């Protein structure tokens, strides 16, 4: 006595549910890109180019990555500095106490469209809302 036989009406229901499930997965994928990442208030915006790790160019000036520096890509996954060597990327970054670059986030186009300060002096003239990730005067 077979127990898993799908009769024609149940087979149609199964195929229908399967199609609905596949369609919903297709619509959820773009929503993942809309997730807002949180950046600390002390993060600044700039352009980073890895020359020869740990040496980098930050906004065209020589800088250095801190030991254990974390570089996150557009999907917030960790990236090795050698993987992005030679590319000039828009980033948000923080410094450690020695002035070395500690955390780096490669920014997406939607994040690049929002205002973010490029220097500590510029950040001092604005107020940061951590929940909305926005800067206002």
Protein backbone atom coordinates (compact mmCIF):
# COMPACT_ATOMS: atom_id res chain seq x y z
CA UNK A 1 0.00 0.00 0.00
CA UNK A 2 1.84 3.14 -1.21
CA UNK A 3 1.43 6.05 1.17
CA UNK A 4 2.98 8.92 -0.80
CA UNK A 5 0.92 8.75 -3.94
CA UNK A 6 -0.17 12.20 -5.06
CA UNK A 7 -3.51 12.19 -6.76
CA UNK A 8 -3.93 14.66 -9.66
CA UNK A 9 -5.72 17.37 -7.56
CA UNK A 10 -3.08 17.13 -4.82
CA UNK A 11 -0.30 17.18 -7.40
CA UNK A 12 -1.67 20.47 -8.77
CA UNK A 13 -1.80 21.90 -5.26
CA UNK A 14 1.77 20.77 -4.61
CA UNK A 15 3.04 22.28 -7.87
CA UNK A 16 1.10 25.48 -7.17
CA UNK A 17 2.61 25.81 -3.69
CA UNK A 18 6.04 25.06 -5.08
CA UNK A 19 5.67 27.84 -7.66
CA UNK A 20 4.44 30.29 -5.03
CA UNK A 21 7.43 29.40 -2.85
CA UNK A 22 9.88 29.92 -5.71
CA UNK A 23 8.31 33.25 -6.64
CA UNK A 24 8.51 34.47 -3.05
CA UNK A 25 12.20 33.51 -2.84
CA UNK A 26 12.85 35.54 -6.00
CA UNK A 27 11.25 38.62 -4.47
CA UNK A 28 13.11 38.29 -1.16
CA UNK A 29 16.58 38.35 -2.67
CA UNK A 30 16.53 42.07 -3.63
CA UNK A 31 15.22 42.90 -0.15
CA UNK A 32 18.48 41.69 1.35
CA UNK A 33 20.28 44.50 -0.42
CA UNK A 34 18.00 47.03 1.29
CA UNK A 35 19.15 46.12 4.80
CA UNK A 36 20.63 49.18 6.46
CA UNK A 37 24.07 48.66 7.94
CA UNK A 38 25.05 50.44 11.14
CA UNK A 39 28.21 52.51 11.15
CA UNK A 40 29.71 54.09 14.28
CA UNK A 41 29.53 57.86 14.74
CA UNK A 42 33.34 58.15 14.57
CA UNK A 43 33.45 56.52 11.11
CA UNK A 44 34.49 58.81 8.28
CA UNK A 45 34.00 58.51 4.52
CA UNK A 46 36.89 58.28 2.12
CA UNK A 47 38.52 56.47 -0.76
CA UNK A 48 40.77 53.51 0.02
CA UNK A 49 43.26 51.82 -2.26
CA UNK A 50 45.35 48.91 -0.99
CA UNK A 51 48.87 49.34 -2.36
CA UNK A 52 50.81 46.61 -0.57
CA UNK A 53 49.15 45.47 2.64
CA UNK A 54 49.29 46.88 5.23
CA UNK A 55 50.18 50.03 3.28
CA UNK A 56 47.20 51.79 1.71
CA UNK A 57 46.29 55.10 0.15
CA UNK A 58 43.48 56.80 2.05
CA UNK A 59 42.07 59.81 0.19
CA UNK A 60 45.28 59.87 -1.85
CA UNK A 61 47.59 59.99 1.20
CA UNK A 62 49.74 57.18 2.54
CA UNK A 63 48.20 55.34 5.50
CA UNK A 64 48.53 51.98 7.19
CA UNK A 65 46.11 49.25 8.25
CA UNK A 66 46.22 48.29 11.92
CA UNK A 67 47.17 44.73 12.87
CA UNK A 68 43.88 42.83 12.83
CA UNK A 69 42.10 45.47 10.74
CA UNK A 70 38.72 44.33 9.46
CA UNK A 71 37.60 45.11 5.92
CA UNK A 72 33.94 44.39 5.17
CA UNK A 73 32.51 44.25 1.65
CA UNK A 74 29.13 45.50 0.41
CA UNK A 75 27.44 42.43 1.92
CA UNK A 76 29.16 42.98 5.28
CA UNK A 77 31.41 39.94 4.79
CA UNK A 78 35.08 40.07 5.72
CA UNK A 79 37.50 40.59 2.84
CA UNK A 80 41.26 40.12 2.78
CA UNK A 81 43.20 43.20 1.78
CA UNK A 82 44.91 41.31 -1.06
CA UNK A 83 41.51 40.63 -2.64
CA UNK A 84 40.89 44.34 -3.16
CA UNK A 85 44.47 45.41 -3.92
CA UNK A 86 44.76 48.06 -6.61
CA UNK A 87 41.07 49.07 -6.51
CA UNK A 88 40.03 52.56 -5.42
CA UNK A 89 36.91 51.96 -3.31
CA UNK A 90 34.49 54.27 -1.53
CA UNK A 91 34.60 53.34 2.16
CA UNK A 92 33.67 54.27 5.69
CA UNK A 93 36.59 53.77 8.08
CA UNK A 94 37.66 54.24 11.70
CA UNK A 95 41.07 54.82 13.29
CA UNK A 96 42.56 53.20 16.37
CA UNK A 97 44.46 55.07 19.11
CA UNK A 98 47.72 54.98 17.13
CA UNK A 99 46.10 56.54 14.05
CA UNK A 100 46.09 53.28 12.08
CA UNK A 101 43.00 52.26 10.09
CA UNK A 102 41.05 49.82 12.24
CA UNK A 103 37.68 49.10 10.55
CA UNK A 104 36.74 49.53 6.90
CA UNK A 105 33.33 49.13 5.27
CA UNK A 106 33.12 49.20 1.47
CA UNK A 107 29.97 51.24 0.85
CA UNK A 108 27.12 50.47 -1.56
CA UNK A 109 25.61 53.01 -3.95
CA UNK A 110 22.62 53.67 -1.65
CA UNK A 111 24.99 54.38 1.25
CA UNK A 112 27.18 56.59 -0.94
CA UNK A 113 24.14 58.69 -1.86
CA UNK A 114 23.58 59.70 1.80
CA UNK A 115 25.68 62.44 3.39
CA UNK A 116 28.53 61.26 5.60
CA UNK A 117 31.36 63.45 6.98
CA UNK A 118 34.84 63.10 5.51
CA UNK A 119 36.80 64.54 8.45
CA UNK A 120 36.51 64.77 12.23
CA UNK A 121 36.19 68.56 11.96
CA UNK A 122 33.26 68.20 9.58
CA UNK A 123 31.63 65.58 11.85
CA UNK A 124 31.86 68.00 14.79
CA UNK A 125 29.53 70.44 13.00
CA UNK A 126 26.77 67.83 12.59
CA UNK A 127 24.64 65.66 14.90
CA UNK A 128 24.53 61.91 14.33
CA UNK A 129 21.36 59.83 14.68
CA UNK A 130 22.54 56.22 15.20
CA UNK A 131 19.08 54.70 14.67
CA UNK A 132 18.52 56.40 11.32
CA UNK A 133 22.21 56.48 10.39
CA UNK A 134 21.82 60.13 9.35
CA UNK A 135 23.73 63.33 10.01
CA UNK A 136 21.93 66.68 10.54
CA UNK A 137 22.99 70.22 11.38
